[in-house]
């Protein structure tokens, strides 16, 4: 089976465990946000009932008579009137947690895309490297025929054909190695997209890499503002700060409004006496053996650590963005030079081949030209896909596709 890059990216995002985990984190954060909002306006409500049998009759409150059974049904409601601003802090914390979870999902989407593209390009590059190895075998076979003919005619010595036979054997070994590598790449891409037995990659265009649509300074600004890793770090710091505010609530009094309605009787469902109570309770914590202070200290430590992580990431942004940006620019230039090198290697091989057939050069010069051509072909293949991978790495930092088609070409 063969798969396109878009299909591979879509399928991999649904299968990658880290992406699925990030998606679940967003759902959990959304529910935490709903719970914090509900705590502001809604009480907690509990329904309960019980039915009891006795060995001897006793007075039943619900029926005002003797009975061997009793039943109750009750509704309890509770609402926190004042929590020392804990609910406000929890509301803010859940908001930034949701923001951080969404940023984490974006970050993981690009990480998954980077891994998928790496496996996809590995299949394509190994395809082309296998073709390069086949060309090497073909050239070695052709040159061996020429060398043997020249040896028979007396125009060359026996070692010429032996040298080319040695080159042919090395070329065949190289072909076997490339075919083995390609089979492994098939299986790895299949694992990434959930297809057992391996999968092939649909070819992509081989046009030159395009110039980036933003400068290095713009990339750095965009990374700090929109980069998912930096957004996650900022959200974690704000969440930790909200947790500190929530811990401070333990130093304030707590006020609670509760209501209860209970119906009594001697059978289920009870229909006798009904009583309703409303209670306002106020508590003021004074000392709990330093557990409150310990929790507050831990919250502050977590906040300080989150701040240090965020500041360190922002300081490292200049290094990371510059490295990724220059990696793409270097890969583009390398691919361009590799293309020129291939043209030179092809012409060098053509000239050396013609000179050897005419007896104007040695077999060693021909072998050098042939090796140079093979290396130039392989370098161009590797350079072209290095451009794509470098772009994917930069996009993962920025959290944005830089080209409409998602590809540098």
Protein backbone atom coordinates (compact mmCIF):
# COMPACT_ATOMS: atom_id res chain seq x y z
CA UNK A 1 0.00 0.00 0.00
CA UNK A 2 1.01 3.60 -0.64
CA UNK A 3 0.11 6.64 1.42
CA UNK A 4 0.38 10.39 0.85
CA UNK A 5 2.05 12.76 3.30
CA UNK A 6 -1.29 14.36 4.25
CA UNK A 7 -2.81 10.95 4.94
CA UNK A 8 0.21 9.91 6.99
CA UNK A 9 0.02 13.07 9.12
CA UNK A 10 -3.69 12.61 9.73
CA UNK A 11 -3.45 8.95 10.67
CA UNK A 12 -0.35 9.38 12.83
CA UNK A 13 -1.98 12.11 14.92
CA UNK A 14 -4.82 9.75 15.81
CA UNK A 15 -2.46 6.92 16.76
CA UNK A 16 0.46 8.62 18.50
CA UNK A 17 0.12 7.93 22.26
CA UNK A 18 1.54 11.32 23.24
CA UNK A 19 -0.92 13.14 20.98
CA UNK A 20 -3.85 11.11 22.32
CA UNK A 21 -2.66 11.93 25.85
CA UNK A 22 -2.45 15.64 24.99
CA UNK A 23 -5.96 15.51 23.53
CA UNK A 24 -7.21 13.94 26.75
CA UNK A 25 -5.49 16.65 28.77
CA UNK A 26 -7.49 19.29 26.90
CA UNK A 27 -10.73 17.45 27.65
CA UNK A 28 -9.81 17.11 31.33
CA UNK A 29 -8.87 20.79 31.55
CA UNK A 30 -12.17 21.78 29.92
CA UNK A 31 -14.12 19.78 32.51
CA UNK A 32 -12.06 21.30 35.32
CA UNK A 33 -12.98 24.72 33.97
CA UNK A 34 -16.69 23.80 33.90
CA UNK A 35 -16.47 22.49 37.47
CA UNK A 36 -14.86 25.73 38.68
CA UNK A 37 -17.57 27.79 36.99
CA UNK A 38 -20.32 25.61 38.46
CA UNK A 39 -18.89 26.02 41.96
CA UNK A 40 -19.51 29.77 41.68
CA UNK A 41 -23.26 29.57 41.13
CA UNK A 42 -24.47 26.05 41.90
CA UNK A 43 -24.65 24.14 45.17
CA UNK A 44 -23.63 20.54 45.51
CA UNK A 45 -26.72 18.33 45.86
CA UNK A 46 -26.91 14.83 47.31
CA UNK A 47 -29.85 12.44 47.42
CA UNK A 48 -29.96 9.68 50.03
CA UNK A 49 -32.29 7.09 51.48
CA UNK A 50 -32.23 4.22 53.94
CA UNK A 51 -34.50 1.46 55.18
CA UNK A 52 -33.99 -0.24 58.56
CA UNK A 53 -35.65 -3.21 60.27
CA UNK A 54 -35.67 -3.71 64.07
CA UNK A 55 -36.11 -6.81 66.23
CA UNK A 56 -38.62 -4.99 68.44
CA UNK A 57 -41.12 -2.25 67.71
CA UNK A 58 -40.13 1.30 68.52
CA UNK A 59 -41.49 4.76 68.03
CA UNK A 60 -41.39 5.93 64.40
CA UNK A 61 -41.01 9.68 63.93
CA UNK A 62 -42.67 9.65 60.53
CA UNK A 63 -45.91 7.89 61.59
CA UNK A 64 -45.90 8.80 65.31
CA UNK A 65 -46.59 5.13 66.05
CA UNK A 66 -44.78 1.95 67.02
CA UNK A 67 -43.18 0.13 64.09
CA UNK A 68 -40.52 -2.50 63.45
CA UNK A 69 -39.23 -0.67 60.37
CA UNK A 70 -38.14 2.84 59.57
CA UNK A 71 -37.31 4.59 56.31
CA UNK A 72 -35.95 8.01 55.46
CA UNK A 73 -35.41 9.92 52.24
CA UNK A 74 -33.33 13.08 52.22
CA UNK A 75 -31.97 15.82 50.01
CA UNK A 76 -28.83 17.68 51.05
CA UNK A 77 -27.59 20.88 49.40
CA UNK A 78 -24.39 22.74 50.21
CA UNK A 79 -22.99 26.02 48.90
CA UNK A 80 -19.73 27.70 49.89
CA UNK A 81 -20.55 31.35 50.57
CA UNK A 82 -16.97 32.41 51.23
CA UNK A 83 -13.82 30.36 50.76
CA UNK A 84 -11.14 32.96 51.28
CA UNK A 85 -11.09 33.70 47.53
CA UNK A 86 -10.20 30.07 46.77
CA UNK A 87 -12.96 29.78 44.17
CA UNK A 88 -11.67 32.86 42.37
CA UNK A 89 -8.15 31.42 42.35
CA UNK A 90 -9.43 28.04 41.16
CA UNK A 91 -11.34 29.72 38.36
CA UNK A 92 -8.22 31.52 37.19
CA UNK A 93 -6.10 28.39 37.52
CA UNK A 94 -8.46 26.25 35.46
CA UNK A 95 -8.55 28.93 32.75
CA UNK A 96 -4.78 28.96 32.36
CA UNK A 97 -4.65 25.16 32.66
CA UNK A 98 -7.02 24.93 29.70
CA UNK A 99 -4.92 27.41 27.75
CA UNK A 100 -1.78 25.43 28.58
CA UNK A 101 -3.41 22.14 27.59
CA UNK A 102 -4.43 23.58 24.23
CA UNK A 103 -0.91 24.89 23.66
CA UNK A 104 0.44 21.49 24.65
CA UNK A 105 -1.85 19.87 22.10
CA UNK A 106 -0.49 22.16 19.38
CA UNK A 107 3.05 21.40 20.49
CA UNK A 108 2.44 17.66 20.40
CA UNK A 109 0.75 17.93 17.00
CA UNK A 110 3.90 19.45 15.53
CA UNK A 111 6.14 16.94 17.32
CA UNK A 112 4.05 14.10 15.91
CA UNK A 113 4.16 15.73 12.48
CA UNK A 114 7.94 16.05 12.71
CA UNK A 115 8.35 12.37 13.57
CA UNK A 116 5.91 11.34 10.84
CA UNK A 117 7.60 13.49 8.22
CA UNK A 118 10.96 12.07 9.25
CA UNK A 119 9.71 8.51 8.70
CA UNK A 120 7.99 9.52 5.45
CA UNK A 121 11.08 11.21 4.04
CA UNK A 122 13.19 8.24 5.14
CA UNK A 123 11.15 6.02 2.81
CA UNK A 124 11.45 8.45 -0.09
CA UNK A 125 15.16 9.09 0.39
CA UNK A 126 15.90 5.38 0.72
CA UNK A 127 13.94 4.81 -2.49
CA UNK A 128 16.22 7.23 -4.29
CA UNK A 129 19.36 5.93 -2.59
CA UNK A 130 18.43 2.44 -3.75
CA UNK A 131 18.14 3.79 -7.29
CA UNK A 132 21.57 5.39 -6.88
CA UNK A 133 22.95 2.01 -5.79
CA UNK A 134 21.35 0.36 -8.82
CA UNK A 135 22.96 2.94 -11.10
CA UNK A 136 26.29 2.20 -9.48
CA UNK A 137 25.86 -1.52 -10.17
CA UNK A 138 24.83 -0.82 -13.77
CA UNK A 139 27.83 1.42 -14.40
CA UNK A 140 30.18 -1.10 -12.83
CA UNK A 141 28.78 -3.87 -15.05
CA UNK A 142 29.15 -1.72 -18.17
CA UNK A 143 32.70 -0.73 -17.31
CA UNK A 144 33.62 -4.33 -16.54
CA UNK A 145 32.54 -5.35 -20.05
CA UNK A 146 34.66 -2.55 -21.54
CA UNK A 147 37.66 -3.42 -19.37
CA UNK A 148 37.53 -7.10 -20.29
CA UNK A 149 37.36 -6.21 -23.97
CA UNK A 150 40.40 -3.95 -23.61
CA UNK A 151 42.28 -6.66 -21.71
CA UNK A 152 41.50 -9.20 -24.44
CA UNK A 153 42.65 -6.75 -27.10
CA UNK A 154 45.86 -6.06 -25.17
CA UNK A 155 45.02 -2.40 -24.60
CA UNK A 156 44.83 -2.86 -20.82
CA UNK A 157 46.29 -5.13 -18.19
CA UNK A 158 44.43 -7.83 -16.27
CA UNK A 159 44.26 -5.74 -13.11
CA UNK A 160 41.88 -3.30 -14.84
CA UNK A 161 39.14 -5.91 -15.05
CA UNK A 162 39.94 -7.09 -11.52
CA UNK A 163 39.61 -3.55 -10.18
CA UNK A 164 36.22 -3.19 -11.87
CA UNK A 165 35.10 -6.61 -10.63
CA UNK A 166 35.97 -5.47 -7.11
CA UNK A 167 33.98 -2.28 -7.68
CA UNK A 168 31.03 -4.31 -8.98
CA UNK A 169 31.04 -6.48 -5.86
CA UNK A 170 31.12 -3.42 -3.62
CA UNK A 171 28.26 -1.90 -5.62
CA UNK A 172 26.19 -5.06 -5.19
CA UNK A 173 26.82 -5.06 -1.44
CA UNK A 174 25.78 -1.41 -1.31
CA UNK A 175 22.58 -2.25 -3.19
CA UNK A 176 21.75 -5.02 -0.72
CA UNK A 177 22.30 -2.62 2.18
CA UNK A 178 20.05 0.04 0.64
CA UNK A 179 17.30 -2.49 -0.02
CA UNK A 180 17.47 -3.68 3.60
CA UNK A 181 17.33 -0.10 4.86
CA UNK A 182 14.33 0.60 2.63
CA UNK A 183 12.45 -2.41 3.97
CA UNK A 184 12.99 -1.19 7.53
CA UNK A 185 11.80 2.30 6.52
CA UNK A 186 8.62 0.76 5.08
CA UNK A 187 7.92 -0.95 8.39
CA UNK A 188 8.67 2.14 10.47
CA UNK A 189 6.30 4.29 8.41
CA UNK A 190 3.68 1.55 8.65
CA UNK A 191 4.03 1.53 12.44
CA UNK A 192 3.65 5.29 12.51
CA UNK A 193 0.38 5.23 10.53
CA UNK A 194 -1.02 1.99 11.93
CA UNK A 195 -0.47 -0.33 8.95
CA UNK A 196 1.13 -3.68 9.68
CA UNK A 197 3.55 -5.07 7.13
CA UNK A 198 4.88 -1.66 6.11
CA UNK A 199 3.66 1.05 3.77
CA UNK A 200 5.16 2.96 0.85
CA UNK A 201 5.27 6.76 0.56
CA UNK A 202 3.84 8.65 -2.39
CA UNK A 203 6.55 10.69 -4.16
CA UNK A 204 6.85 14.43 -3.59
CA UNK A 205 8.07 17.10 -5.97
CA UNK A 206 11.80 17.79 -6.05
CA UNK A 207 11.78 21.54 -6.66
CA UNK A 208 14.31 23.69 -4.81
CA UNK A 209 13.50 24.83 -1.28
CA UNK A 210 11.78 28.18 -1.02
CA UNK A 211 12.97 31.19 0.92
CA UNK A 212 11.37 31.54 4.34
CA UNK A 213 8.49 34.07 4.47
CA UNK A 214 9.87 35.75 7.62
CA UNK A 215 13.16 37.09 8.88
CA UNK A 216 15.11 35.65 11.80
CA UNK A 217 13.97 38.50 14.06
CA UNK A 218 10.34 37.92 13.07
CA UNK A 219 10.73 34.20 13.69
CA UNK A 220 12.11 34.88 17.16
CA UNK A 221 9.23 37.21 18.00
CA UNK A 222 6.67 34.75 16.68
CA UNK A 223 8.19 31.89 18.65
CA UNK A 224 8.00 33.81 21.92
CA UNK A 225 4.43 34.95 21.26
CA UNK A 226 2.90 31.89 19.60
CA UNK A 227 5.36 29.04 20.03
CA UNK A 228 3.52 26.22 21.84
CA UNK A 229 6.44 25.36 24.11
CA UNK A 230 6.66 28.94 25.37
CA UNK A 231 2.87 29.21 25.72
CA UNK A 232 2.85 26.05 27.83
CA UNK A 233 5.60 27.45 30.06
CA UNK A 234 3.72 30.73 30.59
CA UNK A 235 0.49 28.87 31.34
CA UNK A 236 2.26 26.62 33.84
CA UNK A 237 3.65 29.66 35.64
CA UNK A 238 0.23 31.34 35.83
CA UNK A 239 -1.34 28.09 37.02
CA UNK A 240 1.26 27.75 39.77
CA UNK A 241 0.64 31.36 40.80
CA UNK A 242 -3.10 30.69 41.02
CA UNK A 243 -2.36 27.63 43.16
CA UNK A 244 -0.45 29.89 45.58
CA UNK A 245 -3.47 32.20 45.83
CA UNK A 246 -5.70 29.20 46.45
CA UNK A 247 -3.46 28.07 49.31
CA UNK A 248 -3.75 31.51 50.91
CA UNK A 249 -7.47 30.89 51.34
CA UNK A 250 -6.64 28.61 54.26
CA UNK A 251 -5.79 31.74 56.29
CA UNK A 252 -9.30 33.19 55.85
CA UNK A 253 -12.57 32.18 57.52
CA UNK A 254 -14.87 29.87 55.58
CA UNK A 255 -18.65 30.33 55.36
CA UNK A 256 -21.02 27.62 54.18
CA UNK A 257 -24.77 27.52 53.56
CA UNK A 258 -26.38 24.10 53.75
CA UNK A 259 -29.96 22.87 53.57
CA UNK A 260 -31.53 19.51 54.29
CA UNK A 261 -34.98 18.04 53.72
CA UNK A 262 -35.75 14.63 55.24
CA UNK A 263 -38.94 12.57 55.05
CA UNK A 264 -39.56 9.81 57.62
CA UNK A 265 -41.81 6.77 57.51
CA UNK A 266 -42.07 3.03 58.14
CA UNK A 267 -42.02 1.85 54.53
CA UNK A 268 -40.25 2.68 51.33
CA UNK A 269 -40.83 5.24 49.85
CA UNK A 270 -41.50 7.15 53.15
CA UNK A 271 -44.45 9.53 53.15
CA UNK A 272 -44.68 10.56 56.78
CA UNK A 273 -43.22 13.52 58.61
CA UNK A 274 -41.00 15.88 56.58
CA UNK A 275 -38.46 18.20 58.18
CA UNK A 276 -36.38 20.91 56.54
CA UNK A 277 -33.33 22.63 57.99
CA UNK A 278 -31.15 25.50 56.82
CA UNK A 279 -27.71 26.04 58.33
CA UNK A 280 -25.12 28.78 57.98
CA UNK A 281 -21.74 27.66 59.27
CA UNK A 282 -18.62 29.78 59.72
CA UNK A 283 -15.20 28.37 60.58
CA UNK A 284 -11.87 30.08 61.10
CA UNK A 285 -8.78 27.86 60.96
CA UNK A 286 -6.24 28.80 63.62
CA UNK A 287 -3.62 26.04 63.73
CA UNK A 288 -3.37 22.67 62.01
CA UNK A 289 0.12 21.60 63.06
CA UNK A 290 1.76 23.61 60.25
CA UNK A 291 0.07 21.62 57.47
CA UNK A 292 -1.33 24.86 56.04
CA UNK A 293 2.09 26.48 56.04
CA UNK A 294 3.65 23.39 54.45
CA UNK A 295 1.13 23.37 51.62
CA UNK A 296 1.65 27.10 51.05
CA UNK A 297 5.43 26.67 50.96
CA UNK A 298 5.17 23.85 48.43
CA UNK A 299 2.89 25.95 46.23
CA UNK A 300 5.35 28.86 46.28
CA UNK A 301 8.24 26.53 45.45
CA UNK A 302 6.30 25.12 42.49
CA UNK A 303 5.54 28.66 41.31
CA UNK A 304 9.18 29.72 41.56
CA UNK A 305 10.26 26.62 39.64
CA UNK A 306 7.66 27.28 36.92
CA UNK A 307 8.88 30.87 36.63
CA UNK A 308 12.48 29.70 36.32
CA UNK A 309 11.51 27.25 33.57
CA UNK A 310 9.66 29.96 31.66
CA UNK A 311 12.51 32.45 31.95
CA UNK A 312 15.07 29.84 30.89
CA UNK A 313 13.00 28.89 27.84
CA UNK A 314 12.68 32.53 26.83
CA UNK A 315 16.43 33.03 27.18
CA UNK A 316 17.01 29.90 25.10
CA UNK A 317 14.59 31.04 22.40
CA UNK A 318 17.27 33.07 20.63
CA UNK A 319 19.51 30.01 20.46
CA UNK A 320 16.80 27.52 19.47
CA UNK A 321 15.14 29.69 16.82
CA UNK A 322 18.45 30.79 15.33
CA UNK A 323 19.66 27.21 15.18
CA UNK A 324 16.48 25.98 13.48
CA UNK A 325 16.33 28.99 11.13
CA UNK A 326 19.96 28.68 10.06
CA UNK A 327 19.59 24.90 9.73
CA UNK A 328 16.94 25.46 7.07
CA UNK A 329 18.95 28.12 5.26
CA UNK A 330 22.06 25.93 5.38
CA UNK A 331 20.11 22.93 4.12
CA UNK A 332 18.78 25.00 1.20
CA UNK A 333 22.28 26.12 0.24
CA UNK A 334 23.63 22.59 0.66
CA UNK A 335 20.96 21.22 -1.66
CA UNK A 336 21.79 23.86 -4.26
CA UNK A 337 25.51 23.09 -4.09
CA UNK A 338 24.79 19.36 -4.18
CA UNK A 339 22.86 19.86 -7.42
CA UNK A 340 25.81 21.68 -8.94
CA UNK A 341 28.14 18.99 -7.64
CA UNK A 342 26.09 16.30 -9.36
CA UNK A 343 26.34 18.11 -12.71
CA UNK A 344 30.11 18.35 -12.28
CA UNK A 345 30.40 14.69 -11.24
CA UNK A 346 28.33 13.55 -14.22
CA UNK A 347 30.50 15.48 -16.65
CA UNK A 348 33.69 14.26 -14.98
CA UNK A 349 32.53 10.66 -15.24
CA UNK A 350 31.53 11.10 -18.89
CA UNK A 351 34.96 12.50 -19.77
CA UNK A 352 36.88 9.85 -17.80
CA UNK A 353 34.76 7.10 -19.33
CA UNK A 354 35.50 8.34 -22.85
CA UNK A 355 39.20 8.76 -22.05
CA UNK A 356 39.47 5.26 -20.59
CA UNK A 357 37.85 3.73 -23.64
CA UNK A 358 40.33 5.66 -25.76
CA UNK A 359 43.25 4.57 -23.59
CA UNK A 360 44.03 8.11 -22.44
CA UNK A 361 43.59 7.50 -18.69
CA UNK A 362 43.96 4.77 -16.11
CA UNK A 363 41.35 2.58 -14.48
CA UNK A 364 41.98 4.34 -11.15
CA UNK A 365 40.91 7.68 -12.59
CA UNK A 366 37.75 6.08 -13.97
CA UNK A 367 36.97 4.47 -10.62
CA UNK A 368 37.49 7.78 -8.83
CA UNK A 369 35.08 9.48 -11.22
CA UNK A 370 32.55 6.70 -10.81
CA UNK A 371 32.77 6.87 -7.01
CA UNK A 372 32.47 10.65 -7.13
CA UNK A 373 29.31 10.39 -9.23
CA UNK A 374 27.73 7.92 -6.81
CA UNK A 375 28.57 10.11 -3.83
CA UNK A 376 27.22 13.23 -5.57
CA UNK A 377 23.93 11.48 -6.33
CA UNK A 378 23.57 10.33 -2.72
CA UNK A 379 24.48 13.75 -1.33
CA UNK A 380 21.81 15.44 -3.44
CA UNK A 381 19.14 13.00 -2.25
CA UNK A 382 20.09 13.51 1.38
CA UNK A 383 20.34 17.28 1.01
CA UNK A 384 16.87 17.61 -0.54
CA UNK A 385 15.15 15.79 2.30
CA UNK A 386 17.28 17.58 4.88
CA UNK A 387 15.59 20.79 3.68
CA UNK A 388 12.16 19.34 4.43
CA UNK A 389 13.17 18.08 7.85
CA UNK A 390 14.78 21.40 8.76
CA UNK A 391 11.56 23.20 7.85
CA UNK A 392 9.51 20.80 9.99
CA UNK A 393 11.84 21.46 12.93
CA UNK A 394 11.45 25.23 12.61
CA UNK A 395 7.67 24.93 12.29
CA UNK A 396 7.55 22.83 15.47
CA UNK A 397 9.22 25.69 17.37
CA UNK A 398 7.00 28.38 15.84
CA UNK A 399 3.80 26.33 16.08
CA UNK A 400 2.77 27.31 12.57
CA UNK A 401 3.06 26.04 9.01
CA UNK A 402 5.19 28.50 7.05
CA UNK A 403 3.96 27.48 3.61
CA UNK A 404 0.38 26.89 2.57
CA UNK A 405 1.04 23.35 1.37
CA UNK A 406 3.04 22.47 4.49
CA UNK A 407 6.11 21.67 2.36
CA UNK A 408 9.21 23.71 1.65
CA UNK A 409 9.11 22.80 -2.03
